[in-house]
Amino acid sequence: MSKIIKHSAVFGIGNIISRSIAVLLVPLYTRNMTVSEFGIFSAGLTLYIVLNIIMKGGAPAAMLKIYVENKENRGQVLFVTYSYTLLTSLLIGLVSFALSGSFIDWLIGAGNFATYAIIILSSFAEAMIEVPLNVFRAKEQSRIFAVFSIIGSILTLAFSYMFIVILKMRINGAFLAMFLAKGIVFLLCSIFLVKDFSFKWNRSIASEIFQLGTPIVISGLSLWLINMSDRLIITNMRGGYEAGLYSLGNRIGTLLNIIILTPFSLVWGVESMKIYYNSKNKKDRFASFFIRVTGLCLIVGIFLSLFAKEMIMIFATREYMKSFIIVPVISLSNILYVMYYFHTFYFMIIKKTYLLTFIIASGAALNIALNISLLKFFDYRIVSCTNLVAILLIYLAILKSTSGRLPFDHSFKKVAFGFVLFVLSAAIGLIENMIYPIVLKFVVFAITLFFILKVFKLDSIVYPIFKKLKKSKA
């Protein structure tokens, strides 16, 4: 079990660095694009993600299971997965090109075929690179996985600077950088793996990939509808300017996912199973994990909400300052998302993942319906509120589905107290024209940090670390 956790941590290094590079790219985008251009780019990025989900066909994820079980024909598994992903990606790419005349303006808010074409090519490269990276996961070559992920991130940063800043290609340059970086890493990975291939088509493997992969596509699209479709809807209904404002505020609010959810998700899938099957006091351990993870989320969310204005000044120009108002709402949504994610492992245990998919899909449908209905009367800020409502209802549905079979103390009084501190801190962060605003915000953060450390039992983790640091310095 410790081996799995160790590999998960190493695998996560590449993902965390990739997300960190994505954060570093935000100032590059915002300072070299107008707000409207950034809004169109964000809508294009949304299209890029959904095309990537469909192009993969669920094959890279399905390959993990088939590779582990099929020890005799692993060379064929690799070849068929490569071929299957290539065929589905080319098919979806050709269909996307065929539909370009009707959908370019609606999808990305700009009748620019060149931009649309580069987005499709970038999605193709992203879909293909998932195959070798998942092969490294299947072979437990975590260090190689991390190395190639880091190379891809560095290339993305370098190409982005060249195309956006030096060559002034703006939106097209951003997507072209993604295409080249992912394409180069895909070729390098494939050269590294070609010795393991068995160049023989296996119909039964292809059939199994289809059966396992298709539901993965549906689940992936459902999550996309919740997390990303808002930018397309805003671009189509309110224009690129409002989409740009929303996108930046959303990116700052979702920093919580990079800081908390990414490392947590890498170990929780294993740790949750270990606790459920092996621990004699699993109720206490689940309760302890839940309250502490929630406390960590509140700390990060309060910091983001208090210093939203300052972070926007770092990431962008004053033209984007209006977007700070949605950061607390997005942060709160992400806190609820982490709380929801805490319970999802149980659906795997009881083999009812279809129920989880139904709940997420229902939340996604509600979210889209609310966005389309309310954006006729309100601006982009209403979308952050509809996302919060959808995530809250999803969490409550998940909680109701698991609480009877997975009973443990959620300490909801403490959670409610933490939410009160969050709301008060967010309100202070929104106040205009304060005297010594930075000083006041740091004082408020210090006070809330003290209470959260005590109430959410994080002091027992933090204080020993400080003691060890003091001893090491001495």
Protein backbone atom coordinates (compact mmCIF):
# COMPACT_ATOMS: atom_id res chain seq x y z
CA MET A 1 0.00 0.00 0.00
CA SER A 2 2.83 2.40 0.80
CA LYS A 3 4.29 1.61 -2.64
CA ILE A 4 1.06 2.77 -4.29
CA ILE A 5 1.03 5.98 -2.27
CA LYS A 6 4.67 6.62 -3.14
CA HIS A 7 4.03 6.16 -6.86
CA SER A 8 0.93 8.37 -6.65
CA ALA A 9 2.98 11.14 -5.09
CA VAL A 10 5.64 10.94 -7.84
CA PHE A 11 2.99 10.80 -10.57
CA GLY A 12 1.47 13.89 -9.03
CA ILE A 13 4.66 15.93 -9.36
CA GLY A 14 4.19 16.23 -13.11
CA ASN A 15 0.51 17.13 -12.77
CA ILE A 16 1.15 19.74 -10.09
CA ILE A 17 3.98 21.33 -12.08
CA SER A 18 1.76 21.37 -15.20
CA ARG A 19 -0.97 23.16 -13.28
CA SER A 20 1.53 25.55 -11.78
CA ILE A 21 2.80 26.38 -15.28
CA ALA A 22 -0.83 27.00 -16.29
CA VAL A 23 -1.06 29.54 -13.44
CA LEU A 24 2.18 31.20 -14.54
CA LEU A 25 0.80 31.53 -18.06
CA VAL A 26 -2.17 33.62 -16.89
CA PRO A 27 -0.21 36.91 -16.66
CA LEU A 28 1.31 36.11 -20.07
CA TYR A 29 -2.19 35.81 -21.52
CA THR A 30 -3.84 38.74 -19.75
CA ARG A 31 -1.01 41.22 -20.38
CA ASN A 32 -0.82 40.40 -24.09
CA MET A 33 -4.52 40.01 -24.88
CA THR A 34 -7.46 42.34 -24.50
CA VAL A 35 -10.21 41.27 -22.09
CA SER A 36 -12.36 40.23 -25.07
CA GLU A 37 -9.52 38.22 -26.59
CA PHE A 38 -8.90 36.50 -23.26
CA GLY A 39 -12.61 35.67 -23.10
CA ILE A 40 -12.49 34.12 -26.59
CA PHE A 41 -9.33 32.23 -25.63
CA SER A 42 -11.09 30.87 -22.51
CA ALA A 43 -14.05 29.74 -24.61
CA GLY A 44 -11.61 28.12 -27.03
CA LEU A 45 -9.89 26.39 -24.12
CA THR A 46 -13.25 24.98 -23.09
CA LEU A 47 -13.78 23.62 -26.61
CA TYR A 48 -10.23 22.22 -26.51
CA ILE A 49 -11.03 20.26 -23.34
CA VAL A 50 -14.34 18.80 -24.55
CA LEU A 51 -12.82 17.77 -27.91
CA ASN A 52 -9.97 16.13 -26.01
CA ILE A 53 -12.40 14.10 -23.88
CA ILE A 54 -14.24 12.81 -26.96
CA MET A 55 -11.13 12.23 -29.07
CA LYS A 56 -9.57 9.96 -26.44
CA GLY A 57 -12.67 7.78 -26.43
CA GLY A 58 -11.78 6.70 -22.91
CA ALA A 59 -9.03 4.49 -24.40
CA PRO A 60 -6.04 5.65 -22.28
CA ALA A 61 -7.97 5.09 -19.05
CA ALA A 62 -9.41 1.75 -20.22
CA MET A 63 -5.92 0.62 -21.21
CA LEU A 64 -4.78 0.75 -17.57
CA LYS A 65 -7.16 -2.05 -16.58
CA ILE A 66 -6.54 -4.14 -19.72
CA TYR A 67 -2.75 -3.79 -19.46
CA VAL A 68 -2.66 -4.97 -15.86
CA GLU A 69 -4.91 -8.00 -16.55
CA ASN A 70 -3.43 -9.01 -19.92
CA LYS A 71 0.17 -9.97 -19.09
CA GLU A 72 0.76 -12.11 -22.19
CA ASN A 73 -0.30 -9.61 -24.90
CA ARG A 74 0.77 -6.28 -23.43
CA GLY A 75 2.55 -5.32 -26.66
CA GLN A 76 -0.75 -5.71 -28.51
CA VAL A 77 -2.57 -3.73 -25.81
CA LEU A 78 -0.18 -0.80 -26.38
CA PHE A 79 -0.47 -0.97 -30.18
CA VAL A 80 -4.28 -1.28 -30.18
CA THR A 81 -4.64 1.59 -27.67
CA TYR A 82 -2.42 3.82 -29.79
CA SER A 83 -4.31 2.86 -32.95
CA TYR A 84 -7.76 3.18 -31.35
CA THR A 85 -6.99 6.65 -29.96
CA LEU A 86 -5.48 7.76 -33.27
CA LEU A 87 -8.56 6.61 -35.22
CA THR A 88 -11.10 8.19 -32.84
CA SER A 89 -9.08 11.42 -32.68
CA LEU A 90 -8.86 11.67 -36.48
CA LEU A 91 -12.57 10.89 -36.85
CA ILE A 92 -13.66 13.51 -34.30
CA GLY A 93 -11.19 15.98 -35.78
CA LEU A 94 -12.60 15.52 -39.31
CA VAL A 95 -16.18 15.85 -38.04
CA SER A 96 -15.20 19.03 -36.18
CA PHE A 97 -13.68 20.50 -39.35
CA ALA A 98 -16.81 19.55 -41.32
CA LEU A 99 -19.01 21.39 -38.81
CA SER A 100 -16.73 24.43 -38.63
CA GLY A 101 -18.82 26.62 -40.91
CA SER A 102 -21.90 26.32 -38.69
CA PHE A 103 -20.36 26.37 -35.23
CA ILE A 104 -17.22 28.55 -35.16
CA ASP A 105 -18.97 31.75 -34.15
CA TRP A 106 -21.27 30.05 -31.62
CA LEU A 107 -18.53 27.99 -29.99
CA ILE A 108 -15.75 30.53 -29.55
CA GLY A 109 -17.42 33.83 -30.32
CA ALA A 110 -15.22 34.61 -33.31
CA GLY A 111 -15.60 33.67 -36.95
CA ASN A 112 -11.92 32.74 -37.29
CA PHE A 113 -11.29 29.39 -38.97
CA ALA A 114 -7.54 29.50 -38.22
CA THR A 115 -8.20 29.68 -34.46
CA TYR A 116 -10.75 26.87 -34.68
CA ALA A 117 -8.33 24.69 -36.68
CA ILE A 118 -5.46 25.20 -34.23
CA ILE A 119 -7.78 24.32 -31.32
CA ILE A 120 -8.67 21.03 -33.03
CA LEU A 121 -5.00 20.22 -33.65
CA SER A 122 -4.14 21.05 -30.03
CA SER A 123 -6.92 18.76 -28.78
CA PHE A 124 -5.60 16.01 -31.06
CA ALA A 125 -2.08 16.33 -29.60
CA GLU A 126 -3.46 16.35 -26.05
CA ALA A 127 -5.53 13.21 -26.72
CA MET A 128 -2.56 11.33 -28.17
CA ILE A 129 -0.11 12.23 -25.39
CA GLU A 130 -2.47 10.68 -22.83
CA VAL A 131 -1.71 7.23 -24.26
CA PRO A 132 2.05 7.01 -23.54
CA LEU A 133 1.66 8.83 -20.22
CA ASN A 134 -0.90 6.24 -19.12
CA VAL A 135 1.43 3.48 -20.30
CA PHE A 136 4.04 4.83 -17.88
CA ARG A 137 1.39 4.73 -15.17
CA ALA A 138 0.48 1.12 -16.03
CA LYS A 139 4.16 0.12 -15.93
CA GLU A 140 4.61 2.04 -12.64
CA GLN A 141 7.36 4.14 -14.21
CA SER A 142 6.46 7.15 -12.14
CA ARG A 143 9.77 8.99 -12.55
CA ILE A 144 9.64 8.74 -16.35
CA PHE A 145 6.03 9.96 -16.26
CA ALA A 146 7.07 12.97 -14.17
CA VAL A 147 10.06 13.78 -16.41
CA PHE A 148 8.01 13.84 -19.62
CA SER A 149 5.23 15.83 -17.92
CA ILE A 150 7.75 18.44 -16.78
CA ILE A 151 9.33 18.59 -20.27
CA GLY A 152 5.87 19.24 -21.71
CA SER A 153 5.22 22.04 -19.21
CA ILE A 154 8.57 23.73 -19.92
CA LEU A 155 8.01 23.52 -23.69
CA THR A 156 4.51 24.98 -23.30
CA LEU A 157 5.89 27.93 -21.33
CA ALA A 158 8.73 28.53 -23.83
CA PHE A 159 6.55 28.27 -26.95
CA SER A 160 3.85 30.45 -25.35
CA TYR A 161 6.36 33.21 -24.67
CA MET A 162 7.72 32.99 -28.20
CA PHE A 163 4.36 33.01 -30.00
CA ILE A 164 2.43 35.39 -27.72
CA VAL A 165 5.04 37.92 -26.58
CA ILE A 166 7.63 37.91 -29.37
CA LEU A 167 5.54 37.04 -32.45
CA LYS A 168 2.33 38.73 -31.15
CA MET A 169 0.13 35.81 -32.25
CA ARG A 170 -2.07 36.11 -29.13
CA ILE A 171 -4.97 33.55 -29.17
CA ASN A 172 -3.59 31.49 -32.06
CA GLY A 173 -0.13 31.57 -30.48
CA ALA A 174 -1.44 30.22 -27.17
CA PHE A 175 -3.04 27.17 -28.81
CA LEU A 176 -0.16 26.66 -31.24
CA ALA A 177 2.19 26.49 -28.25
CA MET A 178 0.04 23.74 -26.72
CA PHE A 179 -0.02 21.80 -29.99
CA LEU A 180 3.75 21.89 -30.48
CA ALA A 181 4.62 21.14 -26.84
CA LYS A 182 2.23 18.19 -26.57
CA GLY A 183 3.17 16.92 -30.04
CA ILE A 184 6.91 16.93 -29.34
CA VAL A 185 6.49 15.14 -26.00
CA PHE A 186 4.16 12.58 -27.63
CA LEU A 187 6.82 11.77 -30.25
CA LEU A 188 9.56 11.50 -27.59
CA CYS A 189 7.42 9.19 -25.44
CA SER A 190 6.48 7.04 -28.43
CA ILE A 191 10.13 6.63 -29.46
CA PHE A 192 10.86 5.57 -25.87
CA LEU A 193 8.04 2.97 -25.93
CA VAL A 194 8.14 1.63 -29.50
CA LYS A 195 10.36 -1.31 -28.46
CA ASP A 196 7.46 -2.65 -26.36
CA PHE A 197 4.95 -2.65 -29.22
CA SER A 198 3.56 -5.75 -30.91
CA PHE A 199 2.32 -4.46 -34.26
CA LYS A 200 -0.72 -6.70 -34.53
CA TRP A 201 -4.37 -5.65 -34.36
CA ASN A 202 -6.46 -7.48 -31.75
CA ARG A 203 -10.20 -7.13 -32.20
CA SER A 204 -11.10 -8.36 -28.72
CA ILE A 205 -8.83 -5.77 -27.08
CA ALA A 206 -10.37 -3.03 -29.24
CA SER A 207 -13.85 -4.21 -28.28
CA GLU A 208 -12.96 -4.14 -24.58
CA ILE A 209 -11.51 -0.64 -24.93
CA PHE A 210 -14.78 0.49 -26.50
CA GLN A 211 -16.91 -1.09 -23.74
CA LEU A 212 -14.82 0.36 -20.93
CA GLY A 213 -14.00 3.67 -22.57
CA THR A 214 -17.43 4.87 -23.68
CA PRO A 215 -18.83 5.34 -20.12
CA ILE A 216 -15.62 7.22 -19.22
CA VAL A 217 -16.36 9.70 -22.02
CA ILE A 218 -19.89 10.26 -20.67
CA SER A 219 -18.63 10.83 -17.11
CA GLY A 220 -15.89 13.14 -18.36
CA LEU A 221 -18.37 15.22 -20.36
CA SER A 222 -20.66 15.49 -17.33
CA LEU A 223 -17.84 16.88 -15.20
CA TRP A 224 -16.89 19.22 -18.03
CA LEU A 225 -20.46 20.53 -18.19
CA ILE A 226 -20.23 21.52 -14.54
CA ASN A 227 -16.72 22.94 -14.50
CA MET A 228 -16.13 24.45 -17.94
CA SER A 229 -19.30 24.96 -20.00
CA ASP A 230 -19.98 28.30 -18.28
CA ARG A 231 -17.29 30.05 -20.36
CA LEU A 232 -18.85 28.93 -23.64
CA ILE A 233 -22.29 30.07 -22.50
CA ILE A 234 -21.03 33.46 -21.31
CA THR A 235 -19.10 34.01 -24.56
CA ASN A 236 -22.15 33.14 -26.63
CA MET A 237 -24.70 35.11 -24.59
CA ARG A 238 -22.71 38.01 -23.10
CA GLY A 239 -19.61 38.34 -25.30
CA GLY A 240 -15.86 37.86 -24.96
CA TYR A 241 -15.34 40.77 -22.54
CA GLU A 242 -17.49 39.28 -19.77
CA ALA A 243 -16.10 35.80 -20.49
CA GLY A 244 -12.61 37.20 -19.96
CA LEU A 245 -13.53 38.74 -16.61
CA TYR A 246 -15.24 35.55 -15.46
CA SER A 247 -12.37 33.36 -16.63
CA LEU A 248 -9.72 35.21 -14.63
CA GLY A 249 -11.83 35.28 -11.44
CA ASN A 250 -12.55 31.59 -11.92
CA ARG A 251 -8.86 30.76 -12.35
CA ILE A 252 -7.94 32.52 -9.11
CA GLY A 253 -10.79 30.85 -7.20
CA THR A 254 -9.81 27.41 -8.49
CA LEU A 255 -6.24 27.76 -7.21
CA LEU A 256 -7.71 25.92 -4.22
CA ASN A 257 -7.96 22.81 -6.39
CA ILE A 258 -4.27 22.96 -7.27
CA ILE A 259 -3.20 23.48 -3.66
CA ILE A 260 -5.60 21.02 -1.96
CA LEU A 261 -7.53 18.75 -4.33
CA THR A 262 -4.66 17.62 -6.58
CA PRO A 263 -2.39 16.26 -3.81
CA PHE A 264 -5.39 15.01 -1.81
CA SER A 265 -6.85 13.07 -4.75
CA LEU A 266 -3.52 11.34 -5.39
CA VAL A 267 -3.57 9.58 -2.02
CA TRP A 268 -7.23 9.51 -1.00
CA GLY A 269 -8.28 6.84 -3.49
CA VAL A 270 -5.83 4.40 -1.88
CA GLU A 271 -6.07 5.65 1.70
CA SER A 272 -9.89 5.60 1.74
CA MET A 273 -9.95 1.93 0.64
CA LYS A 274 -7.31 1.02 3.21
CA ILE A 275 -9.30 2.67 6.00
CA TYR A 276 -12.61 1.14 4.88
CA TYR A 277 -11.37 -2.45 4.61
CA ASN A 278 -8.59 -2.63 7.20
CA SER A 279 -9.21 -0.08 9.94
CA LYS A 280 -11.06 -1.12 13.10
CA ASN A 281 -11.99 2.47 13.95
CA LYS A 282 -12.81 3.64 10.43
CA LYS A 283 -15.56 6.01 11.60
CA ASP A 284 -13.10 7.98 13.70
CA ARG A 285 -10.48 8.03 10.95
CA PHE A 286 -12.95 9.18 8.30
CA ALA A 287 -14.18 11.90 10.65
CA SER A 288 -10.61 13.02 11.36
CA PHE A 289 -9.69 13.18 7.65
CA PHE A 290 -12.90 15.00 6.74
CA ILE A 291 -12.66 17.76 9.33
CA ARG A 292 -8.97 18.40 8.66
CA VAL A 293 -9.27 18.47 4.87
CA THR A 294 -12.24 20.84 5.21
CA GLY A 295 -10.18 23.05 7.52
CA LEU A 296 -7.31 23.21 5.02
CA CYS A 297 -9.76 24.15 2.26
CA LEU A 298 -11.20 26.94 4.40
CA ILE A 299 -7.73 28.36 5.09
CA VAL A 300 -6.88 28.50 1.38
CA GLY A 301 -10.35 29.77 0.45
CA ILE A 302 -10.23 32.56 3.03
CA PHE A 303 -6.79 33.65 1.81
CA LEU A 304 -7.94 33.73 -1.83
CA SER A 305 -11.09 35.66 -0.92
CA LEU A 306 -9.27 38.22 1.24
CA PHE A 307 -6.53 38.91 -1.28
CA ALA A 308 -8.49 38.54 -4.53
CA LYS A 309 -7.80 42.14 -5.60
CA GLU A 310 -4.09 41.86 -4.94
CA MET A 311 -3.86 38.58 -6.87
CA ILE A 312 -5.65 40.08 -9.86
CA MET A 313 -3.11 42.93 -9.85
CA ILE A 314 -0.37 40.28 -9.98
CA PHE A 315 -1.96 38.15 -12.67
CA ALA A 316 -3.45 40.86 -14.89
CA THR A 317 -4.01 44.56 -15.50
CA ARG A 318 -6.53 46.87 -13.83
CA GLU A 319 -8.88 46.22 -16.72
CA TYR A 320 -9.68 42.87 -15.06
CA MET A 321 -10.24 44.28 -11.56
CA LYS A 322 -14.02 43.81 -11.73
CA SER A 323 -13.55 40.04 -11.68
CA PHE A 324 -12.40 39.98 -8.02
CA ILE A 325 -16.01 39.90 -6.81
CA ILE A 326 -16.59 36.31 -8.01
CA VAL A 327 -13.43 34.87 -6.41
CA PRO A 328 -15.05 34.19 -2.97
CA VAL A 329 -18.04 32.44 -4.61
CA ILE A 330 -15.78 30.29 -6.82
CA SER A 331 -13.59 29.47 -3.79
CA LEU A 332 -16.64 28.40 -1.78
CA SER A 333 -17.79 26.20 -4.67
CA ASN A 334 -14.40 24.51 -4.72
CA ILE A 335 -14.48 23.90 -0.96
CA LEU A 336 -17.80 22.10 -1.44
CA TYR A 337 -16.30 20.22 -4.40
CA VAL A 338 -13.47 18.86 -2.23
CA MET A 339 -16.03 17.86 0.43
CA TYR A 340 -18.02 16.08 -2.28
CA TYR A 341 -14.90 14.33 -3.61
CA PHE A 342 -14.18 12.99 -0.12
CA HIS A 343 -17.25 10.69 -0.38
CA THR A 344 -16.95 9.48 -3.99
CA PHE A 345 -14.78 6.44 -3.22
CA TYR A 346 -17.78 4.74 -1.60
CA PHE A 347 -19.62 4.44 -4.95
CA MET A 348 -16.68 2.39 -6.24
CA ILE A 349 -16.88 0.11 -3.19
CA ILE A 350 -20.62 -0.58 -3.57
CA LYS A 351 -20.22 -0.80 -7.39
CA LYS A 352 -22.79 1.90 -8.07
CA THR A 353 -20.75 4.39 -10.04
CA TYR A 354 -23.77 4.83 -12.31
CA LEU A 355 -25.51 6.53 -9.38
CA LEU A 356 -22.60 8.95 -9.01
CA THR A 357 -22.71 9.65 -12.76
CA PHE A 358 -26.48 10.29 -12.57
CA ILE A 359 -26.05 12.77 -9.70
CA ILE A 360 -23.26 14.65 -11.50
CA ALA A 361 -25.15 14.69 -14.80
CA SER A 362 -28.28 16.02 -13.08
CA GLY A 363 -26.25 18.77 -11.44
CA ALA A 364 -24.67 19.62 -14.80
CA ALA A 365 -28.08 19.85 -16.50
CA LEU A 366 -29.39 22.10 -13.73
CA ASN A 367 -26.28 24.29 -13.92
CA ILE A 368 -26.63 24.79 -17.69
CA ALA A 369 -30.37 25.48 -17.45
CA LEU A 370 -29.82 28.12 -14.75
CA ASN A 371 -26.97 29.75 -16.68
CA ILE A 372 -28.93 30.00 -19.93
CA SER A 373 -32.04 31.29 -18.14
CA LEU A 374 -30.40 33.86 -15.86
CA LEU A 375 -27.74 35.25 -18.23
CA LYS A 376 -30.59 36.88 -20.16
CA PHE A 377 -31.15 39.18 -17.18
CA PHE A 378 -27.81 39.28 -15.28
CA ASP A 379 -24.14 39.59 -16.17
CA TYR A 380 -21.33 37.01 -15.81
CA ARG A 381 -21.36 37.21 -12.00
CA ILE A 382 -24.59 35.20 -11.80
CA VAL A 383 -22.77 32.18 -13.26
CA SER A 384 -20.55 31.88 -10.17
CA CYS A 385 -23.75 31.72 -8.09
CA THR A 386 -25.40 29.07 -10.27
CA ASN A 387 -22.23 26.94 -10.07
CA LEU A 388 -22.33 27.24 -6.28
CA VAL A 389 -25.98 26.12 -6.21
CA ALA A 390 -25.24 23.13 -8.50
CA ILE A 391 -22.20 21.98 -6.49
CA LEU A 392 -24.11 22.38 -3.21
CA LEU A 393 -27.01 20.24 -4.46
CA ILE A 394 -24.59 17.61 -5.80
CA TYR A 395 -22.82 17.48 -2.44
CA LEU A 396 -26.12 17.15 -0.55
CA ALA A 397 -27.23 14.34 -2.89
CA ILE A 398 -23.90 12.54 -2.43
CA LEU A 399 -24.12 13.01 1.32
CA LYS A 400 -27.65 11.58 1.45
CA SER A 401 -26.61 8.59 -0.68
CA THR A 402 -23.64 7.69 1.54
CA SER A 403 -24.51 8.88 5.06
CA GLY A 404 -26.63 5.83 5.95
CA ARG A 405 -24.02 3.30 4.80
CA LEU A 406 -20.94 5.34 5.64
CA PRO A 407 -21.86 6.93 8.97
CA PHE A 408 -19.22 9.09 10.64
CA ASP A 409 -19.24 12.39 12.46
CA HIS A 410 -19.07 15.20 9.89
CA SER A 411 -18.86 17.84 12.65
CA PHE A 412 -21.24 20.08 10.73
CA LYS A 413 -21.37 22.63 13.56
CA LYS A 414 -17.64 23.15 13.16
CA VAL A 415 -18.01 23.28 9.38
CA ALA A 416 -20.78 25.88 9.74
CA PHE A 417 -18.52 27.93 12.04
CA GLY A 418 -15.78 27.75 9.40
CA PHE A 419 -18.20 28.92 6.71
CA VAL A 420 -19.19 31.89 8.88
CA LEU A 421 -15.51 32.86 9.19
CA PHE A 422 -15.19 32.44 5.41
CA VAL A 423 -18.16 34.74 4.68
CA LEU A 424 -16.94 37.42 7.11
CA SER A 425 -13.43 37.31 5.64
CA ALA A 426 -14.79 37.46 2.09
CA ALA A 427 -16.93 40.48 3.02
CA ILE A 428 -13.86 42.29 4.36
CA GLY A 429 -12.00 41.45 1.17
CA LEU A 430 -14.75 43.14 -0.87
CA ILE A 431 -14.72 46.42 1.10
CA GLU A 432 -13.48 49.39 -0.92
CA ASN A 433 -11.35 52.31 0.31
CA MET A 434 -10.12 50.75 3.55
CA ILE A 435 -7.35 52.40 5.57
CA TYR A 436 -4.25 50.21 5.47
CA PRO A 437 -6.15 47.43 3.60
CA ILE A 438 -3.21 44.99 3.37
CA VAL A 439 -2.47 45.25 7.09
CA LEU A 440 -6.13 44.74 8.00
CA LYS A 441 -6.41 41.73 5.69
CA PHE A 442 -3.36 40.07 7.20
CA VAL A 443 -4.73 40.67 10.70
CA VAL A 444 -8.10 39.14 9.72
CA PHE A 445 -6.35 36.18 8.09
CA ALA A 446 -4.19 35.61 11.18
CA ILE A 447 -7.26 35.63 13.46
CA THR A 448 -9.25 33.25 11.25
CA LEU A 449 -6.20 31.02 10.84
CA PHE A 450 -5.88 30.72 14.63
CA PHE A 451 -9.54 29.71 15.05
CA ILE A 452 -9.52 27.23 12.16
CA LEU A 453 -6.33 25.57 13.38
CA LYS A 454 -7.94 25.08 16.80
CA VAL A 455 -11.50 24.17 15.78
CA PHE A 456 -10.54 21.86 12.90
CA LYS A 457 -7.78 20.08 14.88
CA LEU A 458 -5.02 21.24 12.56
CA ASP A 459 -2.90 22.60 15.41
CA SER A 460 -1.81 19.05 16.27
CA ILE A 461 -0.27 18.85 12.78
CA VAL A 462 1.09 22.37 12.38
CA TYR A 463 2.67 22.97 15.80
CA PRO A 464 4.91 19.85 15.79
CA ILE A 465 6.23 20.92 12.38
CA PHE A 466 7.19 24.32 13.78
CA LYS A 467 8.88 22.67 16.75
CA LYS A 468 10.95 20.44 14.45
CA LEU A 469 11.95 23.47 12.36
CA LYS A 470 13.08 25.33 15.48
CA LYS A 471 15.13 22.34 16.63
CA SER A 472 16.74 21.95 13.20
CA LYS A 473 17.75 25.65 13.19
CA ALA A 474 19.14 25.36 16.70
